[in-house]
Amino acid sequence: MITEVRRVVFSKEALVDILEFGRKRGNQRLPPGRIEDVMLENADAPRVTVKVDVLGGGKYQLATFPQAEFAAMMILYCKANKIPLPRASSKSFEIQGDSLCLVVRQQLDREMLGAR
């Protein structure tokens, strides 16, 4: 069996772009205001916590996104920005320093190998 593994690394700036994308699509978890910081927590089951300056008033609010919810937003962002992610693949997260890495694993069969 052959497995293809691809890592797509998202910097903090890219994570802010994904969060703003989610906000525009109606994600209600993120309060209105300017995103101050993105914190990556829990290496075993990564989750994203966002520090928001609520409407510029110097009052901060935290919003935490569970892995599944952030993954859905990230996949929609990739699709909208034409970043290819095979549908029939497993996807997981890894924290790499200040970046979040989307790990895509796809089993290759004989038909896929012949088409390349």
C-alpha atoms as a PDB file:
ATOM      1  CA  MET A   1       0.000   0.000   0.000  1.00  0.00           C
ATOM      2  CA  ILE A   2       1.238   3.488  -0.848  1.00  0.00           C
ATOM      3  CA  THR A   3       0.275   6.529   1.188  1.00  0.00           C
ATOM      4  CA  GLU A   4       0.811  10.111   0.117  1.00  0.00           C
ATOM      5  CA  VAL A   5       1.295  12.588   2.982  1.00  0.00           C
ATOM      6  CA  ARG A   6       1.167  16.330   2.461  1.00  0.00           C
ATOM      7  CA  ARG A   7       1.594  19.087   5.028  1.00  0.00           C
ATOM      8  CA  VAL A   8       0.036  22.497   4.513  1.00  0.00           C
ATOM      9  CA  VAL A   9       1.478  24.928   7.067  1.00  0.00           C
ATOM     10  CA  PHE A  10      -0.545  27.977   8.108  1.00  0.00           C
ATOM     11  CA  SER A  11       1.291  30.849   9.828  1.00  0.00           C
ATOM     12  CA  LYS A  12      -0.426  32.995  12.463  1.00  0.00           C
ATOM     13  CA  GLU A  13      -1.178  35.555   9.740  1.00  0.00           C
ATOM     14  CA  ALA A  14      -2.845  32.859   7.628  1.00  0.00           C
ATOM     15  CA  LEU A  15      -4.836  31.694  10.673  1.00  0.00           C
ATOM     16  CA  VAL A  16      -6.119  35.267  11.120  1.00  0.00           C
ATOM     17  CA  ASP A  17      -7.167  35.225   7.439  1.00  0.00           C
ATOM     18  CA  ILE A  18      -9.055  31.961   8.033  1.00  0.00           C
ATOM     19  CA  LEU A  19     -10.785  33.418  11.097  1.00  0.00           C
ATOM     20  CA  GLU A  20     -11.799  36.568   9.194  1.00  0.00           C
ATOM     21  CA  PHE A  21     -13.067  34.336   6.376  1.00  0.00           C
ATOM     22  CA  GLY A  22     -15.161  32.413   8.913  1.00  0.00           C
ATOM     23  CA  ARG A  23     -16.459  35.652  10.390  1.00  0.00           C
ATOM     24  CA  LYS A  24     -17.609  36.824   6.941  1.00  0.00           C
ATOM     25  CA  ARG A  25     -19.389  33.484   6.469  1.00  0.00           C
ATOM     26  CA  GLY A  26     -21.346  34.023   9.669  1.00  0.00           C
ATOM     27  CA  ASN A  27     -19.307  32.235  12.346  1.00  0.00           C
ATOM     28  CA  GLN A  28     -20.819  33.543  15.577  1.00  0.00           C
ATOM     29  CA  ARG A  29     -18.143  32.223  17.959  1.00  0.00           C
ATOM     30  CA  LEU A  30     -15.748  35.053  17.067  1.00  0.00           C
ATOM     31  CA  PRO A  31     -16.845  38.328  18.693  1.00  0.00           C
ATOM     32  CA  PRO A  32     -16.725  41.571  16.708  1.00  0.00           C
ATOM     33  CA  GLY A  33     -13.449  43.435  16.985  1.00  0.00           C
ATOM     34  CA  ARG A  34      -9.807  43.211  15.968  1.00  0.00           C
ATOM     35  CA  ILE A  35      -7.981  39.906  16.321  1.00  0.00           C
ATOM     36  CA  GLU A  36      -5.017  40.543  18.628  1.00  0.00           C
ATOM     37  CA  ASP A  37      -3.509  37.080  18.893  1.00  0.00           C
ATOM     38  CA  VAL A  38      -3.998  33.472  17.857  1.00  0.00           C
ATOM     39  CA  MET A  39      -2.890  30.859  20.378  1.00  0.00           C
ATOM     40  CA  LEU A  40      -2.421  27.193  19.554  1.00  0.00           C
ATOM     41  CA  GLU A  41      -2.995  24.824  22.457  1.00  0.00           C
ATOM     42  CA  ASN A  42      -2.865  21.132  23.256  1.00  0.00           C
ATOM     43  CA  ALA A  43      -0.496  19.283  20.935  1.00  0.00           C
ATOM     44  CA  ASP A  44      -2.521  16.040  21.267  1.00  0.00           C
ATOM     45  CA  ALA A  45      -5.829  17.579  20.105  1.00  0.00           C
ATOM     46  CA  PRO A  46      -4.932  21.034  18.768  1.00  0.00           C
ATOM     47  CA  ARG A  47      -7.402  23.821  19.271  1.00  0.00           C
ATOM     48  CA  VAL A  48      -7.275  27.486  18.368  1.00  0.00           C
ATOM     49  CA  THR A  49      -7.912  30.247  20.907  1.00  0.00           C
ATOM     50  CA  VAL A  50      -8.311  33.787  19.635  1.00  0.00           C
ATOM     51  CA  LYS A  51      -7.816  36.990  21.608  1.00  0.00           C
ATOM     52  CA  VAL A  52     -10.077  39.750  20.262  1.00  0.00           C
ATOM     53  CA  ASP A  53      -9.920  43.465  21.087  1.00  0.00           C
ATOM     54  CA  VAL A  54     -13.681  43.990  21.282  1.00  0.00           C
ATOM     55  CA  LEU A  55     -14.484  46.924  19.009  1.00  0.00           C
ATOM     56  CA  GLY A  56     -11.205  48.677  19.799  1.00  0.00           C
ATOM     57  CA  GLY A  57     -12.174  49.431  23.381  1.00  0.00           C
ATOM     58  CA  GLY A  58      -9.127  47.774  24.936  1.00  0.00           C
ATOM     59  CA  LYS A  59     -11.384  45.099  26.411  1.00  0.00           C
ATOM     60  CA  TYR A  60     -10.321  41.614  25.356  1.00  0.00           C
ATOM     61  CA  GLN A  61     -12.419  38.544  24.849  1.00  0.00           C
ATOM     62  CA  LEU A  62     -11.229  34.982  24.173  1.00  0.00           C
ATOM     63  CA  ALA A  63     -12.896  32.581  21.760  1.00  0.00           C
ATOM     64  CA  THR A  64     -11.822  28.933  21.540  1.00  0.00           C
ATOM     65  CA  PHE A  65     -12.480  26.811  18.470  1.00  0.00           C
ATOM     66  CA  PRO A  66     -12.607  23.035  18.908  1.00  0.00           C
ATOM     67  CA  GLN A  67     -10.563  21.097  16.372  1.00  0.00           C
ATOM     68  CA  ALA A  68     -13.549  19.923  14.287  1.00  0.00           C
ATOM     69  CA  GLU A  69     -15.056  23.401  14.004  1.00  0.00           C
ATOM     70  CA  PHE A  70     -11.763  25.037  13.026  1.00  0.00           C
ATOM     71  CA  ALA A  71     -11.036  22.205  10.572  1.00  0.00           C
ATOM     72  CA  ALA A  72     -14.343  22.821   8.794  1.00  0.00           C
ATOM     73  CA  MET A  73     -13.580  26.544   8.515  1.00  0.00           C
ATOM     74  CA  MET A  74     -10.051  25.810   7.287  1.00  0.00           C
ATOM     75  CA  ILE A  75     -11.269  23.349   4.622  1.00  0.00           C
ATOM     76  CA  LEU A  76     -13.820  25.900   3.347  1.00  0.00           C
ATOM     77  CA  TYR A  77     -11.055  28.533   3.274  1.00  0.00           C
ATOM     78  CA  CYS A  78      -8.787  26.192   1.278  1.00  0.00           C
ATOM     79  CA  LYS A  79     -11.592  25.452  -1.169  1.00  0.00           C
ATOM     80  CA  ALA A  80     -12.385  29.162  -1.631  1.00  0.00           C
ATOM     81  CA  ASN A  81      -8.692  29.925  -2.229  1.00  0.00           C
ATOM     82  CA  LYS A  82      -8.117  26.964  -4.549  1.00  0.00           C
ATOM     83  CA  ILE A  83      -5.735  25.145  -2.209  1.00  0.00           C
ATOM     84  CA  PRO A  84      -6.204  21.516  -3.300  1.00  0.00           C
ATOM     85  CA  LEU A  85      -7.276  19.044  -0.621  1.00  0.00           C
ATOM     86  CA  PRO A  86      -8.319  15.586  -1.830  1.00  0.00           C
ATOM     87  CA  ARG A  87     -11.801  14.721  -0.633  1.00  0.00           C
ATOM     88  CA  ALA A  88     -10.967  11.045  -0.032  1.00  0.00           C
ATOM     89  CA  SER A  89      -8.179  11.678   2.456  1.00  0.00           C
ATOM     90  CA  SER A  90      -7.745  11.809   6.193  1.00  0.00           C
ATOM     91  CA  LYS A  91      -6.936  15.192   7.661  1.00  0.00           C
ATOM     92  CA  SER A  92      -5.399  16.052  11.011  1.00  0.00           C
ATOM     93  CA  PHE A  93      -3.610  18.949  12.708  1.00  0.00           C
ATOM     94  CA  GLU A  94      -0.153  19.338  14.176  1.00  0.00           C
ATOM     95  CA  ILE A  95       1.259  22.360  15.926  1.00  0.00           C
ATOM     96  CA  GLN A  96       4.639  23.429  14.558  1.00  0.00           C
ATOM     97  CA  GLY A  97       5.962  26.315  16.647  1.00  0.00           C
ATOM     98  CA  ASP A  98       3.645  29.276  15.996  1.00  0.00           C
ATOM     99  CA  SER A  99       2.052  27.596  12.965  1.00  0.00           C
ATOM    100  CA  LEU A 100      -0.743  25.087  12.479  1.00  0.00           C
ATOM    101  CA  CYS A 101      -0.050  22.281  10.056  1.00  0.00           C
ATOM    102  CA  LEU A 102      -2.865  20.496   8.222  1.00  0.00           C
ATOM    103  CA  VAL A 103      -1.667  16.950   7.519  1.00  0.00           C
ATOM    104  CA  VAL A 104      -3.397  15.283   4.569  1.00  0.00           C
ATOM    105  CA  ARG A 105      -3.005  11.504   4.125  1.00  0.00           C
ATOM    106  CA  GLN A 106      -4.309   9.725   1.070  1.00  0.00           C
ATOM    107  CA  GLN A 107      -4.106   6.040   0.217  1.00  0.00           C
ATOM    108  CA  LEU A 108      -3.074   5.605  -3.414  1.00  0.00           C
ATOM    109  CA  ASP A 109      -4.478   2.705  -5.369  1.00  0.00           C
ATOM    110  CA  ARG A 110      -3.352   1.349  -8.748  1.00  0.00           C
ATOM    111  CA  GLU A 111      -5.808   3.519 -10.677  1.00  0.00           C
ATOM    112  CA  MET A 112      -4.497   6.690  -9.048  1.00  0.00           C
ATOM    113  CA  LEU A 113      -0.906   5.696  -9.729  1.00  0.00           C
ATOM    114  CA  GLY A 114      -1.651   4.965 -13.383  1.00  0.00           C
ATOM    115  CA  ALA A 115      -3.295   8.356 -13.838  1.00  0.00           C
ATOM    116  CA  ARG A 116      -0.214  10.266 -12.699  1.00  0.00           C
END
